[in-house]
């Protein structure tokens, strides 16, 4: 099981959430392209949590709207690197800046090949 051993926030976030990803919808961008449940324990006003066991889903996506101010220790997790290069330039949505620059959509595109 994947677990958050420690998550500390030193600078408040405008938005902070964790999605337990079970699928993707590449027809939309931003958080809506990641299908799954939001974790109610992770939210913008959070300052610190520890020892949270995450449900068994293929992926977990932590998103925070802020430049810095977060420290996290995970157990049994692997980082999945992704970028705009993971999306197919021939996808009709790729032409839209809203899609191709959306980090959520880039991640969704990459894992769509792995789910």
PDB file of N, CA and C in Angstrom:
ATOM      1  N   UNK A   1       0.832  -1.192   0.000  1.00  0.00           N
ATOM      2  CA  UNK A   1       0.000   0.000   0.000  1.00  0.00           C
ATOM      3  C   UNK A   1       0.877   1.256   0.000  1.00  0.00           C
ATOM      4  N   UNK A   2       0.420   2.253  -0.721  1.00  0.00           N
ATOM      5  CA  UNK A   2       1.101   3.549  -0.728  1.00  0.00           C
ATOM      6  C   UNK A   2       0.594   4.356   0.457  1.00  0.00           C
ATOM      7  N   UNK A   3       1.518   5.053   1.096  1.00  0.00           N
ATOM      8  CA  UNK A   3       1.141   5.863   2.253  1.00  0.00           C
ATOM      9  C   UNK A   3       1.873   7.194   2.228  1.00  0.00           C
ATOM     10  N   UNK A   4       1.189   8.215   2.718  1.00  0.00           N
ATOM     11  CA  UNK A   4       1.829   9.504   2.973  1.00  0.00           C
ATOM     12  C   UNK A   4       2.323   9.430   4.404  1.00  0.00           C
ATOM     13  N   UNK A   5       3.623   9.392   4.581  1.00  0.00           N
ATOM     14  CA  UNK A   5       4.184   9.361   5.932  1.00  0.00           C
ATOM     15  C   UNK A   5       4.145  10.748   6.556  1.00  0.00           C
ATOM     16  N   UNK A   6       4.513  11.755   5.771  1.00  0.00           N
ATOM     17  CA  UNK A   6       4.495  13.135   6.255  1.00  0.00           C
ATOM     18  C   UNK A   6       4.160  14.058   5.100  1.00  0.00           C
ATOM     19  N   UNK A   7       3.284  15.010   5.341  1.00  0.00           N
ATOM     20  CA  UNK A   7       3.003  16.078   4.390  1.00  0.00           C
ATOM     21  C   UNK A   7       2.897  17.354   5.212  1.00  0.00           C
ATOM     22  N   UNK A   8       3.801  18.308   4.929  1.00  0.00           N
ATOM     23  CA  UNK A   8       3.819  19.579   5.651  1.00  0.00           C
ATOM     24  C   UNK A   8       3.721  20.715   4.656  1.00  0.00           C
ATOM     25  N   UNK A   9       2.880  21.667   4.958  1.00  0.00           N
ATOM     26  CA  UNK A   9       2.680  22.836   4.104  1.00  0.00           C
ATOM     27  C   UNK A   9       3.139  24.063   4.885  1.00  0.00           C
ATOM     28  N   UNK A  10       4.148  24.754   4.367  1.00  0.00           N
ATOM     29  CA  UNK A  10       4.667  25.942   5.064  1.00  0.00           C
ATOM     30  C   UNK A  10       4.109  27.246   4.510  1.00  0.00           C
ATOM     31  N   UNK A  11       3.622  27.215   3.276  1.00  0.00           N
ATOM     32  CA  UNK A  11       3.024  28.396   2.645  1.00  0.00           C
ATOM     33  C   UNK A  11       1.638  27.990   2.156  1.00  0.00           C
ATOM     34  N   UNK A  12       0.590  28.717   2.512  1.00  0.00           N
ATOM     35  CA  UNK A  12      -0.770  28.314   2.115  1.00  0.00           C
ATOM     36  C   UNK A  12      -0.914  28.166   0.594  1.00  0.00           C
ATOM     37  N   UNK A  13      -1.718  27.214   0.210  1.00  0.00           N
ATOM     38  CA  UNK A  13      -2.013  26.960  -1.194  1.00  0.00           C
ATOM     39  C   UNK A  13      -3.375  27.541  -1.540  1.00  0.00           C
ATOM     40  N   UNK A  14      -3.500  28.050  -2.759  1.00  0.00           N
ATOM     41  CA  UNK A  14      -4.808  28.465  -3.257  1.00  0.00           C
ATOM     42  C   UNK A  14      -5.685  27.235  -3.431  1.00  0.00           C
ATOM     43  N   UNK A  15      -5.080  26.176  -3.968  1.00  0.00           N
ATOM     44  CA  UNK A  15      -5.753  24.895  -4.172  1.00  0.00           C
ATOM     45  C   UNK A  15      -4.758  23.800  -3.840  1.00  0.00           C
ATOM     46  N   UNK A  16      -5.226  22.773  -3.182  1.00  0.00           N
ATOM     47  CA  UNK A  16      -4.411  21.600  -2.889  1.00  0.00           C
ATOM     48  C   UNK A  16      -5.350  20.412  -2.837  1.00  0.00           C
ATOM     49  N   UNK A  17      -5.067  19.393  -3.644  1.00  0.00           N
ATOM     50  CA  UNK A  17      -5.914  18.217  -3.623  1.00  0.00           C
ATOM     51  C   UNK A  17      -5.124  16.997  -4.067  1.00  0.00           C
ATOM     52  N   UNK A  18      -5.678  15.848  -3.738  1.00  0.00           N
ATOM     53  CA  UNK A  18      -5.124  14.559  -4.119  1.00  0.00           C
ATOM     54  C   UNK A  18      -6.243  13.752  -4.764  1.00  0.00           C
ATOM     55  N   UNK A  19      -5.990  13.288  -5.976  1.00  0.00           N
ATOM     56  CA  UNK A  19      -6.963  12.456  -6.682  1.00  0.00           C
ATOM     57  C   UNK A  19      -6.436  11.033  -6.747  1.00  0.00           C
ATOM     58  N   UNK A  20      -7.289  10.082  -6.418  1.00  0.00           N
ATOM     59  CA  UNK A  20      -6.968   8.662  -6.565  1.00  0.00           C
ATOM     60  C   UNK A  20      -7.457   8.267  -7.956  1.00  0.00           C
ATOM     61  N   UNK A  21      -6.531   8.219  -8.896  1.00  0.00           N
ATOM     62  CA  UNK A  21      -6.852   8.113 -10.317  1.00  0.00           C
ATOM     63  C   UNK A  21      -7.161   6.669 -10.718  1.00  0.00           C
ATOM     64  N   UNK A  22      -8.344   6.495 -11.312  1.00  0.00           N
ATOM     65  CA  UNK A  22      -8.764   5.184 -11.803  1.00  0.00           C
ATOM     66  C   UNK A  22      -8.913   5.146 -13.323  1.00  0.00           C
ATOM     67  N   UNK A  23      -8.863   6.307 -13.950  1.00  0.00           N
ATOM     68  CA  UNK A  23      -8.999   6.389 -15.401  1.00  0.00           C
ATOM     69  C   UNK A  23      -8.780   7.817 -15.861  1.00  0.00           C
ATOM     70  N   UNK A  24      -8.896   8.020 -17.166  1.00  0.00           N
ATOM     71  CA  UNK A  24      -8.701   9.357 -17.732  1.00  0.00           C
ATOM     72  C   UNK A  24      -9.770   9.650 -18.775  1.00  0.00           C
ATOM     73  N   UNK A  25      -9.995  10.941 -19.012  1.00  0.00           N
ATOM     74  CA  UNK A  25     -10.874  11.407 -20.077  1.00  0.00           C
ATOM     75  C   UNK A  25     -10.104  12.492 -20.826  1.00  0.00           C
ATOM     76  N   UNK A  26      -9.499  12.132 -21.934  1.00  0.00           N
ATOM     77  CA  UNK A  26      -8.647  13.058 -22.682  1.00  0.00           C
ATOM     78  C   UNK A  26      -9.443  14.095 -23.472  1.00  0.00           C
ATOM     79  N   UNK A  27     -10.773  14.017 -23.426  1.00  0.00           N
ATOM     80  CA  UNK A  27     -11.614  14.996 -24.125  1.00  0.00           C
ATOM     81  C   UNK A  27     -11.758  16.287 -23.329  1.00  0.00           C
ATOM     82  N   UNK A  28     -11.295  16.287 -22.080  1.00  0.00           N
ATOM     83  CA  UNK A  28     -11.332  17.482 -21.233  1.00  0.00           C
ATOM     84  C   UNK A  28      -9.945  17.700 -20.644  1.00  0.00           C
ATOM     85  N   UNK A  29      -9.699  18.913 -20.108  1.00  0.00           N
ATOM     86  CA  UNK A  29      -8.388  19.191 -19.524  1.00  0.00           C
ATOM     87  C   UNK A  29      -8.557  19.601 -18.069  1.00  0.00           C
ATOM     88  N   UNK A  30      -7.472  19.987 -17.470  1.00  0.00           N
ATOM     89  CA  UNK A  30      -7.394  20.326 -16.047  1.00  0.00           C
ATOM     90  C   UNK A  30      -7.813  19.117 -15.210  1.00  0.00           C
ATOM     91  N   UNK A  31      -8.270  19.335 -14.017  1.00  0.00           N
ATOM     92  CA  UNK A  31      -8.521  18.215 -13.104  1.00  0.00           C
ATOM     93  C   UNK A  31      -9.604  17.266 -13.610  1.00  0.00           C
ATOM     94  N   UNK A  32     -10.465  17.727 -14.499  1.00  0.00           N
ATOM     95  CA  UNK A  32     -11.566  16.890 -14.986  1.00  0.00           C
ATOM     96  C   UNK A  32     -11.108  15.716 -15.851  1.00  0.00           C
ATOM     97  N   UNK A  33      -9.868  15.772 -16.353  1.00  0.00           N
ATOM     98  CA  UNK A  33      -9.401  14.668 -17.194  1.00  0.00           C
ATOM     99  C   UNK A  33      -8.929  13.479 -16.372  1.00  0.00           C
ATOM    100  N   UNK A  34      -8.738  13.671 -15.067  1.00  0.00           N
ATOM    101  CA  UNK A  34      -8.341  12.574 -14.191  1.00  0.00           C
ATOM    102  C   UNK A  34      -9.579  12.035 -13.490  1.00  0.00           C
ATOM    103  N   UNK A  35      -9.927  10.804 -13.799  1.00  0.00           N
ATOM    104  CA  UNK A  35     -11.115  10.191 -13.219  1.00  0.00           C
ATOM    105  C   UNK A  35     -10.751   9.484 -11.923  1.00  0.00           C
ATOM    106  N   UNK A  36     -11.599   9.630 -10.941  1.00  0.00           N
ATOM    107  CA  UNK A  36     -11.362   8.992  -9.654  1.00  0.00           C
ATOM    108  C   UNK A  36     -11.893   9.864  -8.533  1.00  0.00           C
ATOM    109  N   UNK A  37     -11.587   9.453  -7.327  1.00  0.00           N
ATOM    110  CA  UNK A  37     -12.076  10.152  -6.139  1.00  0.00           C
ATOM    111  C   UNK A  37     -11.053  11.136  -5.609  1.00  0.00           C
ATOM    112  N   UNK A  38     -11.556  12.285  -5.160  1.00  0.00           N
ATOM    113  CA  UNK A  38     -10.714  13.238  -4.438  1.00  0.00           C
ATOM    114  C   UNK A  38     -10.594  12.764  -2.998  1.00  0.00           C
ATOM    115  N   UNK A  39      -9.431  12.945  -2.410  1.00  0.00           N
ATOM    116  CA  UNK A  39      -9.233  12.565  -1.018  1.00  0.00           C
ATOM    117  C   UNK A  39      -9.627  13.740  -0.129  1.00  0.00           C
ATOM    118  N   UNK A  40     -10.654  13.590   0.710  1.00  0.00           N
ATOM    119  CA  UNK A  40     -11.120  14.706   1.533  1.00  0.00           C
ATOM    120  C   UNK A  40     -10.122  15.134   2.612  1.00  0.00           C
ATOM    121  N   UNK A  41      -9.102  14.323   2.865  1.00  0.00           N
ATOM    122  CA  UNK A  41      -8.106  14.661   3.889  1.00  0.00           C
ATOM    123  C   UNK A  41      -7.069  15.657   3.395  1.00  0.00           C
ATOM    124  N   UNK A  42      -6.973  15.850   2.079  1.00  0.00           N
ATOM    125  CA  UNK A  42      -5.987  16.756   1.491  1.00  0.00           C
ATOM    126  C   UNK A  42      -6.738  17.932   0.889  1.00  0.00           C
ATOM    127  N   UNK A  43      -6.529  19.121   1.441  1.00  0.00           N
ATOM    128  CA  UNK A  43      -7.237  20.321   0.971  1.00  0.00           C
ATOM    129  C   UNK A  43      -6.390  21.562   1.223  1.00  0.00           C
ATOM    130  N   UNK A  44      -6.812  22.677   0.678  1.00  0.00           N
ATOM    131  CA  UNK A  44      -6.015  23.901   0.649  1.00  0.00           C
ATOM    132  C   UNK A  44      -5.612  24.413   2.025  1.00  0.00           C
ATOM    133  N   UNK A  45      -6.436  24.243   3.027  1.00  0.00           N
ATOM    134  CA  UNK A  45      -6.102  24.796   4.344  1.00  0.00           C
ATOM    135  C   UNK A  45      -5.251  23.851   5.193  1.00  0.00           C
ATOM    136  N   UNK A  46      -4.797  22.779   4.619  1.00  0.00           N
ATOM    137  CA  UNK A  46      -3.992  21.784   5.317  1.00  0.00           C
ATOM    138  C   UNK A  46      -2.635  22.361   5.709  1.00  0.00           C
ATOM    139  N   UNK A  47      -2.193  22.071   6.914  1.00  0.00           N
ATOM    140  CA  UNK A  47      -0.839  22.471   7.327  1.00  0.00           C
ATOM    141  C   UNK A  47       0.058  21.259   7.536  1.00  0.00           C
ATOM    142  N   UNK A  48      -0.510  20.156   8.032  1.00  0.00           N
ATOM    143  CA  UNK A  48       0.300  18.959   8.244  1.00  0.00           C
ATOM    144  C   UNK A  48      -0.591  17.733   8.451  1.00  0.00           C
ATOM    145  N   UNK A  49      -0.176  16.632   7.858  1.00  0.00           N
ATOM    146  CA  UNK A  49      -0.806  15.333   8.099  1.00  0.00           C
ATOM    147  C   UNK A  49       0.292  14.285   8.116  1.00  0.00           C
ATOM    148  N   UNK A  50      -0.022  13.146   8.716  1.00  0.00           N
ATOM    149  CA  UNK A  50       0.936  12.052   8.707  1.00  0.00           C
ATOM    150  C   UNK A  50       0.207  10.721   8.729  1.00  0.00           C
ATOM    151  N   UNK A  51       0.911   9.720   8.237  1.00  0.00           N
ATOM    152  CA  UNK A  51       0.435   8.336   8.255  1.00  0.00           C
ATOM    153  C   UNK A  51      -0.956   8.145   7.642  1.00  0.00           C
ATOM    154  N   UNK A  52      -1.079   8.569   6.389  1.00  0.00           N
ATOM    155  CA  UNK A  52      -2.323   8.381   5.636  1.00  0.00           C
ATOM    156  C   UNK A  52      -2.094   7.253   4.633  1.00  0.00           C
ATOM    157  N   UNK A  53      -2.853   6.197   4.761  1.00  0.00           N
ATOM    158  CA  UNK A  53      -2.796   5.106   3.793  1.00  0.00           C
ATOM    159  C   UNK A  53      -3.731   5.443   2.647  1.00  0.00           C
ATOM    160  N   UNK A  54      -3.219   5.322   1.424  1.00  0.00           N
ATOM    161  CA  UNK A  54      -4.004   5.658   0.238  1.00  0.00           C
ATOM    162  C   UNK A  54      -4.691   4.410  -0.304  1.00  0.00           C
ATOM    163  N   UNK A  55      -5.868   4.575  -0.894  1.00  0.00           N
ATOM    164  CA  UNK A  55      -6.570   3.424  -1.462  1.00  0.00           C
ATOM    165  C   UNK A  55      -5.779   2.817  -2.622  1.00  0.00           C
ATOM    166  N   UNK A  56      -6.073   1.595  -2.921  1.00  0.00           N
ATOM    167  CA  UNK A  56      -5.381   0.873  -3.976  1.00  0.00           C
ATOM    168  C   UNK A  56      -5.970   1.263  -5.334  1.00  0.00           C
ATOM    169  N   UNK A  57      -5.358   2.267  -5.963  1.00  0.00           N
ATOM    170  CA  UNK A  57      -5.743   2.688  -7.310  1.00  0.00           C
ATOM    171  C   UNK A  57      -4.477   2.730  -8.159  1.00  0.00           C
ATOM    172  N   UNK A  58      -4.610   2.705  -9.480  1.00  0.00           N
ATOM    173  CA  UNK A  58      -3.414   2.678 -10.325  1.00  0.00           C
ATOM    174  C   UNK A  58      -2.477   3.870 -10.115  1.00  0.00           C
ATOM    175  N   UNK A  59      -3.058   5.060  -9.879  1.00  0.00           N
ATOM    176  CA  UNK A  59      -2.246   6.276  -9.717  1.00  0.00           C
ATOM    177  C   UNK A  59      -2.884   7.193  -8.685  1.00  0.00           C
ATOM    178  N   UNK A  60      -2.032   8.061  -8.126  1.00  0.00           N
ATOM    179  CA  UNK A  60      -2.474   9.127  -7.226  1.00  0.00           C
ATOM    180  C   UNK A  60      -1.844  10.404  -7.758  1.00  0.00           C
ATOM    181  N   UNK A  61      -2.620  11.476  -7.822  1.00  0.00           N
ATOM    182  CA  UNK A  61      -2.130  12.744  -8.371  1.00  0.00           C
ATOM    183  C   UNK A  61      -2.332  13.831  -7.330  1.00  0.00           C
ATOM    184  N   UNK A  62      -1.219  14.367  -6.832  1.00  0.00           N
ATOM    185  CA  UNK A  62      -1.247  15.466  -5.870  1.00  0.00           C
ATOM    186  C   UNK A  62      -1.028  16.756  -6.633  1.00  0.00           C
ATOM    187  N   UNK A  63      -1.931  17.702  -6.454  1.00  0.00           N
ATOM    188  CA  UNK A  63      -1.830  18.978  -7.154  1.00  0.00           C
ATOM    189  C   UNK A  63      -1.963  20.111  -6.159  1.00  0.00           C
ATOM    190  N   UNK A  64      -1.054  21.062  -6.273  1.00  0.00           N
ATOM    191  CA  UNK A  64      -1.115  22.256  -5.443  1.00  0.00           C
ATOM    192  C   UNK A  64      -0.837  23.483  -6.281  1.00  0.00           C
ATOM    193  N   UNK A  65      -1.667  24.499  -6.136  1.00  0.00           N
ATOM    194  CA  UNK A  65      -1.463  25.743  -6.874  1.00  0.00           C
ATOM    195  C   UNK A  65      -0.676  26.679  -5.965  1.00  0.00           C
ATOM    196  N   UNK A  66       0.637  26.647  -6.176  1.00  0.00           N
ATOM    197  CA  UNK A  66       1.607  27.432  -5.408  1.00  0.00           C
ATOM    198  C   UNK A  66       2.968  27.063  -5.977  1.00  0.00           C
ATOM    199  N   UNK A  67       3.932  27.896  -5.800  1.00  0.00           N
ATOM    200  CA  UNK A  67       5.256  27.609  -6.341  1.00  0.00           C
ATOM    201  C   UNK A  67       6.108  26.738  -5.422  1.00  0.00           C
ATOM    202  N   UNK A  68       5.943  26.872  -4.148  1.00  0.00           N
ATOM    203  CA  UNK A  68       6.723  26.076  -3.203  1.00  0.00           C
ATOM    204  C   UNK A  68       5.990  26.024  -1.875  1.00  0.00           C
ATOM    205  N   UNK A  69       6.621  25.458  -0.884  1.00  0.00           N
ATOM    206  CA  UNK A  69       6.016  25.442   0.433  1.00  0.00           C
ATOM    207  C   UNK A  69       5.433  24.116   0.850  1.00  0.00           C
ATOM    208  N   UNK A  70       5.862  23.012   0.199  1.00  0.00           N
ATOM    209  CA  UNK A  70       5.335  21.703   0.573  1.00  0.00           C
ATOM    210  C   UNK A  70       6.489  20.713   0.716  1.00  0.00           C
ATOM    211  N   UNK A  71       6.356  19.858   1.702  1.00  0.00           N
ATOM    212  CA  UNK A  71       7.301  18.770   1.927  1.00  0.00           C
ATOM    213  C   UNK A  71       6.469  17.501   2.067  1.00  0.00           C
ATOM    214  N   UNK A  72       6.881  16.452   1.363  1.00  0.00           N
ATOM    215  CA  UNK A  72       6.118  15.199   1.425  1.00  0.00           C
ATOM    216  C   UNK A  72       7.068  14.011   1.438  1.00  0.00           C
ATOM    217  N   UNK A  73       6.751  13.046   2.288  1.00  0.00           N
ATOM    218  CA  UNK A  73       7.433  11.756   2.316  1.00  0.00           C
ATOM    219  C   UNK A  73       6.398  10.692   2.013  1.00  0.00           C
ATOM    220  N   UNK A  74       6.696   9.862   1.027  1.00  0.00           N
ATOM    221  CA  UNK A  74       5.785   8.787   0.624  1.00  0.00           C
ATOM    222  C   UNK A  74       6.446   7.440   0.877  1.00  0.00           C
ATOM    223  N   UNK A  75       5.610   6.442   1.067  1.00  0.00           N
ATOM    224  CA  UNK A  75       6.101   5.082   1.235  1.00  0.00           C
ATOM    225  C   UNK A  75       5.495   4.208   0.145  1.00  0.00           C
ATOM    226  N   UNK A  76       6.328   3.376  -0.469  1.00  0.00           N
ATOM    227  CA  UNK A  76       5.895   2.441  -1.524  1.00  0.00           C
ATOM    228  C   UNK A  76       5.339   3.151  -2.749  1.00  0.00           C
ATOM    229  N   UNK A  77       5.868   4.314  -3.067  1.00  0.00           N
ATOM    230  CA  UNK A  77       5.395   5.082  -4.226  1.00  0.00           C
ATOM    231  C   UNK A  77       6.561   5.323  -5.185  1.00  0.00           C
ATOM    232  N   UNK A  78       6.217   5.475  -6.447  1.00  0.00           N
ATOM    233  CA  UNK A  78       7.196   5.821  -7.468  1.00  0.00           C
ATOM    234  C   UNK A  78       6.734   7.086  -8.178  1.00  0.00           C
ATOM    235  N   UNK A  79       7.667   7.960  -8.465  1.00  0.00           N
ATOM    236  CA  UNK A  79       7.349   9.179  -9.208  1.00  0.00           C
ATOM    237  C   UNK A  79       7.185   8.834 -10.681  1.00  0.00           C
ATOM    238  N   UNK A  80       6.154   9.386 -11.287  1.00  0.00           N
ATOM    239  CA  UNK A  80       5.913   9.206 -12.720  1.00  0.00           C
ATOM    240  C   UNK A  80       6.179  10.546 -13.391  1.00  0.00           C
ATOM    241  N   UNK A  81       7.303  10.662 -14.046  1.00  0.00           N
ATOM    242  CA  UNK A  81       7.641  11.925 -14.724  1.00  0.00           C
ATOM    243  C   UNK A  81       6.823  12.029 -16.008  1.00  0.00           C
ATOM    244  N   UNK A  82       6.456  13.259 -16.352  1.00  0.00           N
ATOM    245  CA  UNK A  82       5.665  13.492 -17.555  1.00  0.00           C
ATOM    246  C   UNK A  82       5.923  14.910 -18.038  1.00  0.00           C
ATOM    247  N   UNK A  83       5.607  15.139 -19.301  1.00  0.00           N
ATOM    248  CA  UNK A  83       5.781  16.470 -19.893  1.00  0.00           C
ATOM    249  C   UNK A  83       4.873  16.578 -21.110  1.00  0.00           C
ATOM    250  N   UNK A  84       4.932  17.717 -21.763  1.00  0.00           N
ATOM    251  CA  UNK A  84       4.154  17.935 -22.977  1.00  0.00           C
ATOM    252  C   UNK A  84       4.533  16.897 -24.046  1.00  0.00           C
ATOM    253  N   UNK A  85       5.758  16.414 -23.994  1.00  0.00           N
ATOM    254  CA  UNK A  85       6.231  15.439 -24.984  1.00  0.00           C
ATOM    255  C   UNK A  85       5.494  14.102 -24.898  1.00  0.00           C
ATOM    256  N   UNK A  86       4.803  13.840 -23.777  1.00  0.00           N
ATOM    257  CA  UNK A  86       4.056  12.590 -23.630  1.00  0.00           C
ATOM    258  C   UNK A  86       2.736  12.598 -24.393  1.00  0.00           C
ATOM    259  N   UNK A  87       2.263  13.772 -24.762  1.00  0.00           N
ATOM    260  CA  UNK A  87       1.003  13.884 -25.511  1.00  0.00           C
ATOM    261  C   UNK A  87       1.276  13.759 -27.004  1.00  0.00           C
ATOM    262  N   UNK A  88       0.297  13.280 -27.715  1.00  0.00           N
ATOM    263  CA  UNK A  88       0.409  13.098 -29.163  1.00  0.00           C
ATOM    264  C   UNK A  88       0.079  14.414 -29.877  1.00  0.00           C
ATOM    265  N   UNK A  89       1.040  15.007 -30.582  1.00  0.00           N
ATOM    266  CA  UNK A  89       0.784  16.258 -31.304  1.00  0.00           C
ATOM    267  C   UNK A  89      -0.304  16.126 -32.365  1.00  0.00           C
ATOM    268  N   UNK A  90      -0.627  14.901 -32.766  1.00  0.00           N
ATOM    269  CA  UNK A  90      -1.693  14.680 -33.748  1.00  0.00           C
ATOM    270  C   UNK A  90      -3.074  14.645 -33.113  1.00  0.00           C
ATOM    271  N   UNK A  91      -3.133  14.600 -31.797  1.00  0.00           N
ATOM    272  CA  UNK A  91      -4.428  14.643 -31.106  1.00  0.00           C
ATOM    273  C   UNK A  91      -5.039  16.017 -31.378  1.00  0.00           C
ATOM    274  N   UNK A  92      -6.304  16.084 -31.793  1.00  0.00           N
ATOM    275  CA  UNK A  92      -6.918  17.375 -32.112  1.00  0.00           C
ATOM    276  C   UNK A  92      -6.920  18.356 -30.932  1.00  0.00           C
ATOM    277  N   UNK A  93      -6.960  17.851 -29.707  1.00  0.00           N
ATOM    278  CA  UNK A  93      -6.935  18.729 -28.534  1.00  0.00           C
ATOM    279  C   UNK A  93      -5.574  19.372 -28.317  1.00  0.00           C
ATOM    280  N   UNK A  94      -4.540  18.734 -28.813  1.00  0.00           N
ATOM    281  CA  UNK A  94      -3.171  19.224 -28.620  1.00  0.00           C
ATOM    282  C   UNK A  94      -2.994  20.639 -29.190  1.00  0.00           C
ATOM    283  N   UNK A  95      -3.766  20.966 -30.220  1.00  0.00           N
ATOM    284  CA  UNK A  95      -3.664  22.295 -30.835  1.00  0.00           C
ATOM    285  C   UNK A  95      -4.085  23.410 -29.888  1.00  0.00           C
ATOM    286  N   UNK A  96      -4.896  23.059 -28.903  1.00  0.00           N
ATOM    287  CA  UNK A  96      -5.368  24.044 -27.932  1.00  0.00           C
ATOM    288  C   UNK A  96      -4.342  24.209 -26.811  1.00  0.00           C
ATOM    289  N   UNK A  97      -3.926  25.427 -26.569  1.00  0.00           N
ATOM    290  CA  UNK A  97      -2.962  25.699 -25.499  1.00  0.00           C
ATOM    291  C   UNK A  97      -3.506  25.236 -24.145  1.00  0.00           C
ATOM    292  N   UNK A  98      -4.821  25.354 -23.941  1.00  0.00           N
ATOM    293  CA  UNK A  98      -5.431  24.925 -22.681  1.00  0.00           C
ATOM    294  C   UNK A  98      -5.189  23.445 -22.414  1.00  0.00           C
ATOM    295  N   UNK A  99      -5.129  22.651 -23.453  1.00  0.00           N
ATOM    296  CA  UNK A  99      -4.887  21.216 -23.298  1.00  0.00           C
ATOM    297  C   UNK A  99      -3.404  20.920 -23.163  1.00  0.00           C
ATOM    298  N   UNK A 100      -2.629  21.323 -24.166  1.00  0.00           N
ATOM    299  CA  UNK A 100      -1.231  20.883 -24.194  1.00  0.00           C
ATOM    300  C   UNK A 100      -0.394  21.445 -23.052  1.00  0.00           C
ATOM    301  N   UNK A 101      -0.809  22.550 -22.438  1.00  0.00           N
ATOM    302  CA  UNK A 101      -0.050  23.094 -21.304  1.00  0.00           C
ATOM    303  C   UNK A 101      -0.628  22.661 -19.951  1.00  0.00           C
ATOM    304  N   UNK A 102      -1.727  21.950 -19.959  1.00  0.00           N
ATOM    305  CA  UNK A 102      -2.329  21.461 -18.710  1.00  0.00           C
ATOM    306  C   UNK A 102      -1.503  20.289 -18.189  1.00  0.00           C
ATOM    307  N   UNK A 103      -0.912  20.446 -16.994  1.00  0.00           N
ATOM    308  CA  UNK A 103      -0.115  19.371 -16.398  1.00  0.00           C
ATOM    309  C   UNK A 103      -0.992  18.141 -16.139  1.00  0.00           C
ATOM    310  N   UNK A 104      -2.234  18.369 -15.766  1.00  0.00           N
ATOM    311  CA  UNK A 104      -3.150  17.249 -15.553  1.00  0.00           C
ATOM    312  C   UNK A 104      -3.322  16.451 -16.845  1.00  0.00           C
ATOM    313  N   UNK A 105      -3.552  17.165 -17.941  1.00  0.00           N
ATOM    314  CA  UNK A 105      -3.790  16.512 -19.233  1.00  0.00           C
ATOM    315  C   UNK A 105      -2.535  15.785 -19.707  1.00  0.00           C
ATOM    316  N   UNK A 106      -1.364  16.398 -19.497  1.00  0.00           N
ATOM    317  CA  UNK A 106      -0.109  15.736 -19.871  1.00  0.00           C
ATOM    318  C   UNK A 106       0.049  14.425 -19.103  1.00  0.00           C
ATOM    319  N   UNK A 107      -0.237  14.468 -17.799  1.00  0.00           N
ATOM    320  CA  UNK A 107      -0.159  13.260 -16.969  1.00  0.00           C
ATOM    321  C   UNK A 107      -1.199  12.244 -17.437  1.00  0.00           C
ATOM    322  N   UNK A 108      -2.417  12.699 -17.668  1.00  0.00           N
ATOM    323  CA  UNK A 108      -3.481  11.804 -18.121  1.00  0.00           C
ATOM    324  C   UNK A 108      -3.095  11.143 -19.445  1.00  0.00           C
ATOM    325  N   UNK A 109      -2.502  11.916 -20.342  1.00  0.00           N
ATOM    326  CA  UNK A 109      -2.107  11.361 -21.635  1.00  0.00           C
ATOM    327  C   UNK A 109      -1.083  10.260 -21.445  1.00  0.00           C
ATOM    328  N   UNK A 110      -0.100  10.516 -20.599  1.00  0.00           N
ATOM    329  CA  UNK A 110       0.946   9.510 -20.377  1.00  0.00           C
ATOM    330  C   UNK A 110       0.366   8.235 -19.766  1.00  0.00           C
ATOM    331  N   UNK A 111      -0.434   8.366 -18.730  1.00  0.00           N
ATOM    332  CA  UNK A 111      -0.923   7.153 -18.081  1.00  0.00           C
ATOM    333  C   UNK A 111      -2.019   6.461 -18.883  1.00  0.00           C
ATOM    334  N   UNK A 112      -2.627   7.173 -19.835  1.00  0.00           N
ATOM    335  CA  UNK A 112      -3.646   6.531 -20.676  1.00  0.00           C
ATOM    336  C   UNK A 112      -3.030   5.361 -21.446  1.00  0.00           C
ATOM    337  N   UNK A 113      -1.749   5.446 -21.711  1.00  0.00           N
ATOM    338  CA  UNK A 113      -1.038   4.370 -22.426  1.00  0.00           C
ATOM    339  C   UNK A 113      -0.692   3.222 -21.482  1.00  0.00           C
ATOM    340  N   UNK A 114      -0.751   3.479 -20.174  1.00  0.00           N
ATOM    341  CA  UNK A 114      -0.316   2.488 -19.192  1.00  0.00           C
ATOM    342  C   UNK A 114      -1.479   1.825 -18.451  1.00  0.00           C
ATOM    343  N   UNK A 115      -2.672   2.443 -18.504  1.00  0.00           N
ATOM    344  CA  UNK A 115      -3.824   1.888 -17.775  1.00  0.00           C
ATOM    345  C   UNK A 115      -4.381   0.666 -18.480  1.00  0.00           C
TER     346      UNK A 115
END
